N, C-alpha and C. Protein backbone atom coordinates (compact mmCIF):
# COMPACT_ATOMS: atom_id res chain seq x y z
N MET A 1 6.33 -19.82 -2.10
CA MET A 1 6.78 -18.44 -2.09
C MET A 1 7.45 -18.10 -3.42
N GLU A 2 7.11 -16.97 -3.96
CA GLU A 2 7.63 -16.53 -5.24
C GLU A 2 9.08 -16.04 -5.09
N CYS A 3 9.92 -16.36 -6.06
CA CYS A 3 11.33 -15.98 -5.98
C CYS A 3 11.52 -14.49 -6.29
N ILE A 4 12.65 -13.96 -5.89
CA ILE A 4 12.95 -12.54 -6.07
C ILE A 4 12.99 -12.15 -7.55
N PHE A 5 13.48 -13.03 -8.42
CA PHE A 5 13.54 -12.69 -9.84
C PHE A 5 12.14 -12.64 -10.46
N CYS A 6 11.25 -13.52 -10.02
CA CYS A 6 9.86 -13.46 -10.50
C CYS A 6 9.21 -12.15 -10.08
N LYS A 7 9.53 -11.67 -8.88
CA LYS A 7 9.01 -10.38 -8.40
C LYS A 7 9.58 -9.23 -9.22
N ILE A 8 10.85 -9.34 -9.64
CA ILE A 8 11.44 -8.32 -10.49
C ILE A 8 10.75 -8.31 -11.85
N VAL A 9 10.49 -9.50 -12.41
CA VAL A 9 9.80 -9.59 -13.70
C VAL A 9 8.43 -8.91 -13.61
N LYS A 10 7.72 -9.13 -12.50
CA LYS A 10 6.38 -8.55 -12.33
C LYS A 10 6.41 -7.06 -11.99
N GLY A 11 7.59 -6.51 -11.71
CA GLY A 11 7.70 -5.10 -11.35
C GLY A 11 7.44 -4.84 -9.88
N GLU A 12 7.33 -5.89 -9.07
CA GLU A 12 7.09 -5.73 -7.64
C GLU A 12 8.35 -5.28 -6.90
N ILE A 13 9.51 -5.59 -7.48
CA ILE A 13 10.80 -5.15 -6.96
C ILE A 13 11.48 -4.39 -8.08
N PRO A 14 11.96 -3.17 -7.81
CA PRO A 14 12.59 -2.39 -8.88
C PRO A 14 13.93 -2.97 -9.30
N SER A 15 14.29 -2.71 -10.55
CA SER A 15 15.59 -3.12 -11.08
C SER A 15 16.05 -2.08 -12.08
N LYS A 16 17.34 -2.05 -12.31
CA LYS A 16 17.90 -1.16 -13.33
C LYS A 16 18.02 -1.97 -14.61
N LYS A 17 16.98 -1.88 -15.44
CA LYS A 17 16.89 -2.70 -16.65
C LYS A 17 17.89 -2.26 -17.71
N VAL A 18 18.40 -3.27 -18.41
CA VAL A 18 19.27 -3.04 -19.56
C VAL A 18 18.49 -3.28 -20.83
N LEU A 19 17.77 -4.41 -20.86
CA LEU A 19 17.01 -4.79 -22.06
C LEU A 19 15.90 -5.74 -21.63
N GLU A 20 14.81 -5.70 -22.37
CA GLU A 20 13.67 -6.57 -22.05
C GLU A 20 12.91 -6.86 -23.34
N ASN A 21 12.41 -8.10 -23.42
CA ASN A 21 11.46 -8.44 -24.47
C ASN A 21 10.37 -9.30 -23.84
N GLU A 22 9.57 -9.94 -24.65
CA GLU A 22 8.44 -10.70 -24.10
C GLU A 22 8.88 -11.94 -23.31
N LYS A 23 10.09 -12.45 -23.54
CA LYS A 23 10.52 -13.68 -22.88
C LYS A 23 11.68 -13.52 -21.90
N PHE A 24 12.46 -12.44 -22.03
CA PHE A 24 13.68 -12.31 -21.24
C PHE A 24 13.83 -10.90 -20.67
N LEU A 25 14.62 -10.82 -19.60
CA LEU A 25 14.91 -9.55 -18.96
C LEU A 25 16.38 -9.53 -18.57
N ALA A 26 17.04 -8.39 -18.80
CA ALA A 26 18.42 -8.20 -18.38
C ALA A 26 18.45 -6.96 -17.49
N PHE A 27 19.12 -7.07 -16.34
CA PHE A 27 19.19 -5.94 -15.41
C PHE A 27 20.52 -5.99 -14.67
N HIS A 28 20.93 -4.84 -14.17
CA HIS A 28 22.20 -4.73 -13.45
C HIS A 28 22.13 -5.44 -12.11
N ASP A 29 23.19 -6.18 -11.78
CA ASP A 29 23.31 -6.86 -10.49
C ASP A 29 23.49 -5.81 -9.40
N ILE A 30 22.84 -6.01 -8.26
CA ILE A 30 22.95 -5.03 -7.17
C ILE A 30 24.26 -5.16 -6.40
N ASN A 31 24.97 -6.28 -6.57
CA ASN A 31 26.28 -6.49 -5.95
C ASN A 31 27.28 -6.89 -7.03
N PRO A 32 27.67 -5.94 -7.90
CA PRO A 32 28.52 -6.28 -9.04
C PRO A 32 29.91 -6.76 -8.64
N ILE A 33 30.42 -7.73 -9.41
CA ILE A 33 31.78 -8.24 -9.21
C ILE A 33 32.74 -7.72 -10.27
N ALA A 34 32.23 -6.91 -11.18
CA ALA A 34 33.03 -6.34 -12.27
C ALA A 34 32.40 -5.00 -12.65
N PRO A 35 33.11 -4.17 -13.41
CA PRO A 35 32.54 -2.90 -13.82
C PRO A 35 31.19 -3.04 -14.55
N VAL A 36 31.05 -4.08 -15.34
CA VAL A 36 29.75 -4.41 -15.94
C VAL A 36 29.35 -5.76 -15.38
N HIS A 37 28.19 -5.82 -14.74
CA HIS A 37 27.68 -7.08 -14.20
C HIS A 37 26.16 -7.05 -14.33
N VAL A 38 25.68 -7.81 -15.31
CA VAL A 38 24.27 -7.84 -15.64
C VAL A 38 23.75 -9.26 -15.46
N LEU A 39 22.53 -9.38 -14.97
CA LEU A 39 21.85 -10.68 -14.86
C LEU A 39 20.85 -10.78 -15.99
N ILE A 40 20.84 -11.94 -16.64
CA ILE A 40 19.93 -12.19 -17.76
C ILE A 40 19.08 -13.39 -17.38
N ILE A 41 17.76 -13.19 -17.40
CA ILE A 41 16.85 -14.23 -16.94
C ILE A 41 15.71 -14.44 -17.93
N PRO A 42 15.20 -15.68 -17.98
CA PRO A 42 13.92 -15.87 -18.69
C PRO A 42 12.81 -15.36 -17.77
N LYS A 43 11.78 -14.80 -18.34
CA LYS A 43 10.67 -14.32 -17.52
C LYS A 43 9.89 -15.48 -16.91
N GLU A 44 9.86 -16.57 -17.62
CA GLU A 44 9.22 -17.77 -17.07
C GLU A 44 10.18 -18.40 -16.06
N HIS A 45 9.64 -18.90 -14.97
CA HIS A 45 10.48 -19.46 -13.91
C HIS A 45 10.94 -20.88 -14.25
N TYR A 46 12.27 -21.02 -14.32
CA TYR A 46 12.93 -22.33 -14.38
C TYR A 46 13.94 -22.29 -13.25
N GLU A 47 13.95 -23.31 -12.42
CA GLU A 47 14.79 -23.28 -11.22
C GLU A 47 16.27 -23.20 -11.54
N LYS A 48 16.73 -24.02 -12.47
CA LYS A 48 18.15 -24.00 -12.80
C LYS A 48 18.36 -24.53 -14.22
N PHE A 49 19.60 -24.51 -14.64
CA PHE A 49 19.99 -24.89 -16.00
C PHE A 49 19.39 -26.23 -16.40
N ASN A 50 19.52 -27.24 -15.56
CA ASN A 50 19.05 -28.59 -15.89
C ASN A 50 17.54 -28.68 -16.05
N ASP A 51 16.81 -27.71 -15.52
CA ASP A 51 15.34 -27.73 -15.58
C ASP A 51 14.79 -26.95 -16.77
N THR A 52 15.68 -26.34 -17.55
CA THR A 52 15.26 -25.41 -18.60
C THR A 52 15.22 -26.10 -19.96
N PRO A 53 14.12 -25.96 -20.70
CA PRO A 53 14.05 -26.57 -22.04
C PRO A 53 15.12 -26.01 -22.97
N ASN A 54 15.64 -26.86 -23.82
CA ASN A 54 16.70 -26.46 -24.75
C ASN A 54 16.33 -25.28 -25.62
N GLU A 55 15.07 -25.22 -26.07
CA GLU A 55 14.69 -24.13 -26.96
C GLU A 55 14.79 -22.76 -26.29
N ILE A 56 14.64 -22.73 -24.97
CA ILE A 56 14.80 -21.47 -24.24
C ILE A 56 16.23 -20.95 -24.40
N PHE A 57 17.21 -21.87 -24.35
CA PHE A 57 18.61 -21.46 -24.48
C PHE A 57 18.92 -20.90 -25.86
N CYS A 58 18.31 -21.46 -26.89
CA CYS A 58 18.53 -20.93 -28.25
C CYS A 58 18.03 -19.49 -28.33
N GLU A 59 16.86 -19.24 -27.80
CA GLU A 59 16.31 -17.88 -27.81
C GLU A 59 17.10 -16.97 -26.88
N MET A 60 17.53 -17.50 -25.76
CA MET A 60 18.28 -16.71 -24.79
C MET A 60 19.64 -16.29 -25.36
N ALA A 61 20.24 -17.14 -26.18
CA ALA A 61 21.53 -16.81 -26.80
C ALA A 61 21.41 -15.55 -27.65
N ASP A 62 20.37 -15.44 -28.44
CA ASP A 62 20.16 -14.24 -29.24
C ASP A 62 19.94 -13.01 -28.35
N PHE A 63 19.17 -13.20 -27.29
CA PHE A 63 18.91 -12.09 -26.37
C PHE A 63 20.22 -11.63 -25.71
N ILE A 64 21.06 -12.58 -25.31
CA ILE A 64 22.34 -12.24 -24.68
C ILE A 64 23.20 -11.42 -25.64
N LYS A 65 23.23 -11.79 -26.90
CA LYS A 65 23.99 -11.01 -27.89
C LYS A 65 23.46 -9.59 -27.99
N ASN A 66 22.14 -9.44 -27.91
CA ASN A 66 21.54 -8.10 -27.96
C ASN A 66 21.85 -7.29 -26.70
N VAL A 67 21.95 -7.96 -25.57
CA VAL A 67 22.34 -7.27 -24.33
C VAL A 67 23.76 -6.71 -24.48
N ALA A 68 24.66 -7.52 -25.01
CA ALA A 68 26.04 -7.06 -25.23
C ALA A 68 26.06 -5.85 -26.16
N LYS A 69 25.26 -5.88 -27.20
CA LYS A 69 25.19 -4.74 -28.12
C LYS A 69 24.66 -3.51 -27.39
N GLU A 70 23.63 -3.70 -26.60
CA GLU A 70 23.03 -2.59 -25.84
C GLU A 70 24.05 -1.97 -24.89
N LEU A 71 24.90 -2.80 -24.29
CA LEU A 71 25.93 -2.32 -23.37
C LEU A 71 27.19 -1.85 -24.09
N ASN A 72 27.22 -2.07 -25.40
CA ASN A 72 28.37 -1.71 -26.23
C ASN A 72 29.65 -2.40 -25.75
N ILE A 73 29.54 -3.70 -25.48
CA ILE A 73 30.70 -4.50 -25.09
C ILE A 73 30.87 -5.66 -26.06
N THR A 74 32.11 -6.04 -26.30
CA THR A 74 32.39 -7.17 -27.18
C THR A 74 33.10 -8.30 -26.42
N ASP A 75 33.76 -7.97 -25.31
CA ASP A 75 34.47 -8.96 -24.51
C ASP A 75 33.75 -9.10 -23.17
N TYR A 76 33.27 -10.30 -22.91
CA TYR A 76 32.54 -10.52 -21.66
C TYR A 76 32.58 -11.99 -21.30
N ARG A 77 32.26 -12.27 -20.06
CA ARG A 77 32.19 -13.64 -19.55
C ARG A 77 30.75 -13.92 -19.16
N LEU A 78 30.28 -15.13 -19.49
CA LEU A 78 28.94 -15.59 -19.09
C LEU A 78 29.10 -16.68 -18.05
N ILE A 79 28.36 -16.56 -16.96
CA ILE A 79 28.46 -17.53 -15.86
C ILE A 79 27.05 -17.96 -15.47
N THR A 80 26.85 -19.27 -15.36
CA THR A 80 25.60 -19.81 -14.85
C THR A 80 25.94 -20.85 -13.79
N ASN A 81 25.43 -20.65 -12.60
CA ASN A 81 25.64 -21.61 -11.51
C ASN A 81 24.44 -22.54 -11.47
N ASN A 82 24.69 -23.84 -11.42
CA ASN A 82 23.62 -24.83 -11.43
C ASN A 82 23.64 -25.61 -10.11
N GLY A 83 22.84 -25.18 -9.15
CA GLY A 83 22.76 -25.85 -7.86
C GLY A 83 23.55 -25.13 -6.78
N SER A 84 23.17 -25.37 -5.54
CA SER A 84 23.77 -24.66 -4.41
C SER A 84 25.26 -24.92 -4.26
N ASN A 85 25.73 -26.15 -4.53
CA ASN A 85 27.16 -26.43 -4.40
C ASN A 85 27.99 -25.73 -5.48
N ALA A 86 27.36 -25.27 -6.54
CA ALA A 86 28.05 -24.53 -7.59
C ALA A 86 27.97 -23.02 -7.35
N GLY A 87 27.25 -22.63 -6.30
CA GLY A 87 27.16 -21.22 -5.95
C GLY A 87 25.84 -20.55 -6.30
N GLN A 88 24.86 -21.33 -6.78
CA GLN A 88 23.57 -20.73 -7.10
C GLN A 88 22.87 -20.31 -5.81
N GLU A 89 22.49 -19.04 -5.74
CA GLU A 89 21.81 -18.51 -4.56
C GLU A 89 20.35 -18.21 -4.82
N VAL A 90 20.03 -17.79 -6.05
CA VAL A 90 18.63 -17.56 -6.43
C VAL A 90 18.25 -18.67 -7.38
N PHE A 91 17.23 -19.43 -7.00
CA PHE A 91 16.85 -20.59 -7.79
C PHE A 91 15.80 -20.23 -8.84
N HIS A 92 16.26 -19.38 -9.75
CA HIS A 92 15.58 -18.99 -10.98
C HIS A 92 16.73 -18.86 -11.96
N LEU A 93 16.69 -19.63 -13.05
CA LEU A 93 17.79 -19.61 -14.00
C LEU A 93 18.23 -18.18 -14.30
N HIS A 94 19.52 -17.95 -14.21
CA HIS A 94 20.07 -16.65 -14.58
C HIS A 94 21.50 -16.80 -15.06
N VAL A 95 21.86 -15.92 -15.98
CA VAL A 95 23.20 -15.88 -16.53
C VAL A 95 23.81 -14.55 -16.12
N HIS A 96 24.99 -14.61 -15.54
CA HIS A 96 25.74 -13.40 -15.21
C HIS A 96 26.56 -13.02 -16.44
N MET A 97 26.43 -11.79 -16.88
CA MET A 97 27.30 -11.25 -17.92
C MET A 97 28.21 -10.24 -17.22
N VAL A 98 29.52 -10.55 -17.22
CA VAL A 98 30.48 -9.65 -16.57
C VAL A 98 31.52 -9.22 -17.59
N SER A 99 31.94 -7.96 -17.45
CA SER A 99 32.91 -7.40 -18.38
C SER A 99 33.67 -6.27 -17.70
N ASN A 100 34.86 -6.05 -18.20
CA ASN A 100 35.66 -4.91 -17.78
C ASN A 100 36.09 -4.17 -19.04
N PRO A 101 35.32 -3.17 -19.45
CA PRO A 101 35.65 -2.45 -20.68
C PRO A 101 37.02 -1.76 -20.64
N ASN A 102 37.57 -1.58 -19.45
CA ASN A 102 38.85 -0.89 -19.29
C ASN A 102 40.04 -1.82 -19.15
N GLY A 103 39.82 -3.12 -19.21
CA GLY A 103 40.94 -4.05 -19.05
C GLY A 103 40.48 -5.48 -19.02
N LYS A 104 41.41 -6.34 -18.67
CA LYS A 104 41.16 -7.78 -18.68
C LYS A 104 40.49 -8.23 -17.38
N LEU A 105 39.53 -9.15 -17.51
CA LEU A 105 38.92 -9.79 -16.34
C LEU A 105 39.88 -10.81 -15.77
N LYS A 106 39.94 -10.89 -14.47
CA LYS A 106 40.76 -11.93 -13.83
C LYS A 106 39.87 -13.14 -13.57
N TRP A 107 40.47 -14.29 -13.43
CA TRP A 107 39.72 -15.50 -13.12
C TRP A 107 39.78 -15.72 -11.61
N PRO A 108 38.64 -15.75 -10.94
CA PRO A 108 38.67 -15.89 -9.47
C PRO A 108 39.03 -17.32 -9.05
N LYS A 109 39.55 -17.41 -7.83
CA LYS A 109 39.81 -18.72 -7.23
C LYS A 109 38.46 -19.40 -6.99
N LEU A 110 38.34 -20.64 -7.39
CA LEU A 110 37.03 -21.31 -7.36
C LEU A 110 36.81 -22.18 -6.12
N VAL A 111 37.83 -22.47 -5.36
CA VAL A 111 37.65 -23.29 -4.14
C VAL A 111 38.34 -22.63 -2.98
């Protein structure tokens, strides 16, 4: 069964896109935890961080910087959950970009 993020990449499920190129897609999270909450994914399916080739991360880093520019934010937090015990719910590599342009982000209780 195809994952929800792969369906978003194919356009089968709508998303509120922030930025897209041939390898990556950034879109707003449907259940935001901060005033700005964007998911950044590779279009190619990698289950989690440990399964992703290193070169993808180098390219993804540049894309993430461009997403921040597109959103006009300079202060943000990047979160990647690797595995179900770490909180990963969708098993397609994704990075959460969260920001509060109006103030400081708080650090949530982790356990």
